[in-house]
Protein backbone atom coordinates (compact mmCIF):
# COMPACT_ATOMS: atom_id res chain seq x y z
CA MET A 1 17.71 6.19 37.95
CA PRO A 2 14.72 4.33 36.41
CA ASN A 3 14.73 0.55 36.34
CA PHE A 4 14.17 -0.74 32.80
CA SER A 5 14.55 -4.45 33.57
CA VAL A 6 10.81 -5.14 33.17
CA LEU A 7 10.80 -3.35 29.83
CA ASP A 8 13.90 -5.29 28.75
CA GLN A 9 12.16 -8.56 29.66
CA LEU A 10 9.13 -7.55 27.63
CA LEU A 11 11.31 -6.71 24.63
CA GLU A 12 13.14 -10.05 24.87
CA THR A 13 9.79 -11.89 24.96
CA TYR A 14 8.61 -9.91 21.95
CA LYS A 15 11.80 -10.70 20.02
CA ALA A 16 11.40 -14.42 20.76
CA LEU A 17 7.79 -14.41 19.52
CA MET A 18 8.40 -12.11 16.56
CA PRO A 19 7.70 -13.69 13.17
CA LYS A 20 10.73 -14.84 11.27
CA THR A 21 11.33 -14.23 7.58
CA VAL A 22 8.12 -14.54 5.58
CA TYR A 23 8.12 -14.88 1.82
CA LEU A 24 5.33 -13.06 0.03
CA VAL A 25 3.63 -14.04 -3.21
CA LYS A 26 1.05 -12.23 -5.30
CA ASN A 27 -2.54 -12.68 -4.22
CA LYS A 28 -3.48 -13.01 -7.90
CA LYS A 29 -7.11 -11.89 -7.73
CA ARG A 30 -6.48 -8.95 -5.39
CA TYR A 31 -3.22 -7.97 -7.11
CA ASP A 32 -4.88 -7.84 -10.54
CA GLU A 33 -7.80 -5.85 -9.10
CA ALA A 34 -5.39 -3.39 -7.46
CA VAL A 35 -3.26 -2.95 -10.60
CA LYS A 36 -6.34 -2.23 -12.72
CA ALA A 37 -7.61 0.34 -10.19
CA ILE A 38 -4.16 1.92 -9.86
CA CYS A 39 -3.92 2.35 -13.64
CA GLU A 40 -7.34 4.03 -13.77
CA ILE A 41 -6.62 6.35 -10.82
CA ALA A 42 -3.15 7.25 -12.12
CA SER A 43 -4.50 8.00 -15.60
CA CYS A 44 -7.08 10.38 -14.08
CA ALA A 45 -4.31 12.16 -12.17
CA VAL A 46 -2.04 12.50 -15.21
CA GLU A 47 -4.93 13.76 -17.37
CA ALA A 48 -5.53 16.55 -14.83
CA ASP A 49 -1.83 17.42 -14.45
CA SER A 50 0.68 16.12 -16.99
CA ASP A 51 3.49 16.93 -14.53
CA ALA A 52 2.04 14.64 -11.86
CA LYS A 53 4.53 12.16 -10.42
CA VAL A 54 3.19 8.63 -9.93
CA LYS A 55 4.92 6.11 -7.69
CA ILE A 56 3.74 2.53 -7.09
CA SER A 57 5.39 0.41 -4.41
CA PRO A 58 4.74 -2.31 -1.87
CA ASP A 59 4.07 -1.15 1.67
CA PRO A 60 7.51 -0.69 3.26
CA LEU A 61 6.39 -1.95 6.68
CA THR A 62 4.73 -5.29 5.91
CA GLY A 63 5.10 -5.57 2.15
CA SER A 64 1.61 -7.04 1.79
CA SER A 65 -0.08 -3.88 0.51
CA LEU A 66 0.32 -2.09 -2.80
CA CYS A 67 0.59 1.69 -2.52
CA LEU A 68 -0.05 4.38 -5.13
CA GLU A 69 1.41 7.82 -4.43
CA VAL A 70 0.57 10.72 -6.73
CA THR A 71 2.32 14.06 -6.24
CA THR A 72 0.55 16.81 -8.16
CA SER A 73 -0.45 20.45 -8.15
CA LEU A 74 -4.04 19.75 -9.15
CA ILE A 75 -6.59 16.98 -8.78
CA ILE A 76 -9.54 17.18 -11.15
CA VAL A 77 -11.62 14.15 -12.03
CA ASP A 78 -13.70 14.32 -15.20
CA LEU A 79 -14.90 10.71 -15.24
CA LEU A 80 -16.15 10.61 -11.68
CA ASP A 81 -17.97 7.25 -11.98
CA LYS A 82 -14.83 5.54 -13.33
CA PHE A 83 -12.66 7.17 -10.65
CA CYS A 84 -15.04 6.24 -7.81
CA ALA A 85 -15.37 2.65 -9.05
CA ALA A 86 -11.57 2.32 -8.99
CA LEU A 87 -11.30 4.02 -5.59
CA LYS A 88 -13.88 1.62 -4.11
CA LYS A 89 -11.36 -1.19 -4.66
CA ALA A 90 -8.92 0.54 -2.27
CA ASN A 91 -8.78 0.01 1.47
CA ASN A 92 -7.63 3.51 2.30
CA PHE A 93 -6.80 6.82 0.67
CA GLU A 94 -5.60 10.20 1.82
CA VAL A 95 -5.00 13.61 0.31
CA TYR A 96 -2.80 16.14 2.02
CA PRO A 97 -1.00 19.37 1.12
CA ARG A 98 2.77 19.60 1.08
CA THR A 99 4.90 22.58 2.07
CA ASP A 100 6.12 23.08 -1.53
CA GLY A 101 2.66 23.96 -2.89
CA LEU A 102 1.98 20.47 -4.26
CA MET A 103 -0.28 17.81 -2.79
CA ASN A 104 -0.03 14.08 -2.28
CA PHE A 105 -2.81 11.66 -3.08
CA ASN A 106 -2.11 8.21 -1.65
CA VAL A 107 -4.17 5.05 -2.19
CA ILE A 108 -3.57 1.75 -0.37
CA PHE A 109 -4.63 -1.70 -1.58
CA GLU A 110 -4.23 -4.24 1.21
CA ASP A 111 -3.55 -7.96 0.70
CA ALA A 112 -2.05 -7.59 -2.78
CA PHE A 113 0.63 -9.94 -1.49
CA VAL A 114 0.17 -12.81 0.96
CA ALA A 115 2.51 -15.09 2.86
CA ALA A 116 3.68 -18.03 0.78
CA PRO A 117 2.37 -21.36 2.06
CA PRO A 118 4.95 -23.51 3.87
CA PHE A 119 7.17 -25.60 1.61
CA GLY A 120 5.76 -29.06 1.12
CA SER A 121 2.21 -28.16 2.10
CA LYS A 122 -0.73 -28.99 -0.14
CA GLU A 123 -1.27 -25.26 -0.76
CA ALA A 124 2.23 -24.94 -2.24
CA ARG A 125 1.59 -27.55 -4.93
């Protein structure tokens, strides 16, 4: 039988060093930039396919990124310069087919939220 004691020790060390609860606040400049880009990208998607489903949410893992997910049957961009300018504001994007004949277009905007400064610090005032 394998000995997992070393792995258990590693996990206990990791748990002890793991960050505690962190409160996030909007990174105003980046958040506003991301929201503007998301609106432009989403409007392009809905113009191409009025049945497109648009979902905007914080990143479920860290919560610091803002994610745009578009589920659609068609992606056509008429105003390519406007679309590319908005997409340049993103940190990552991906397009992939689904098994139901639709496709997902996901765009990630990192650092839309940042950790709140510690209570009582000069940054918090």
